[in-house]
């Protein structure tokens, strides 16, 4: 396990804004997404041959990617709060991103 992890995650679809690499939009606040609707997730971190990226919500594994692609479209989660995070492994070093707590809201 890395003592200084560099793996981070970002949700480009928060409130319909594509803010990756830019400041949060004016009025941005809590993280929420629509329940049971696919959403995009981007991780960043180590780069190299043999990279493995795993995406989780709590202890549930959502998807595993191998290669150099950190961008993924995931199936929507059921309504409620979920701690979403990524785990990257490269050359025997594993890094875990800080979990992001996301409220998945049911459609009215």
Foldseek 3Di string as FASTA:
>chain_A
DDPDFPKAKDFCCFVHHRAVVHDDDPPDDAAEAAAQAKTKMFMDGDADAFKKKWKDWVPRTFDIDTHGGRIDITGGHHFDWTFIWMWMDDPRDIDIYGTGIYGHHYDD
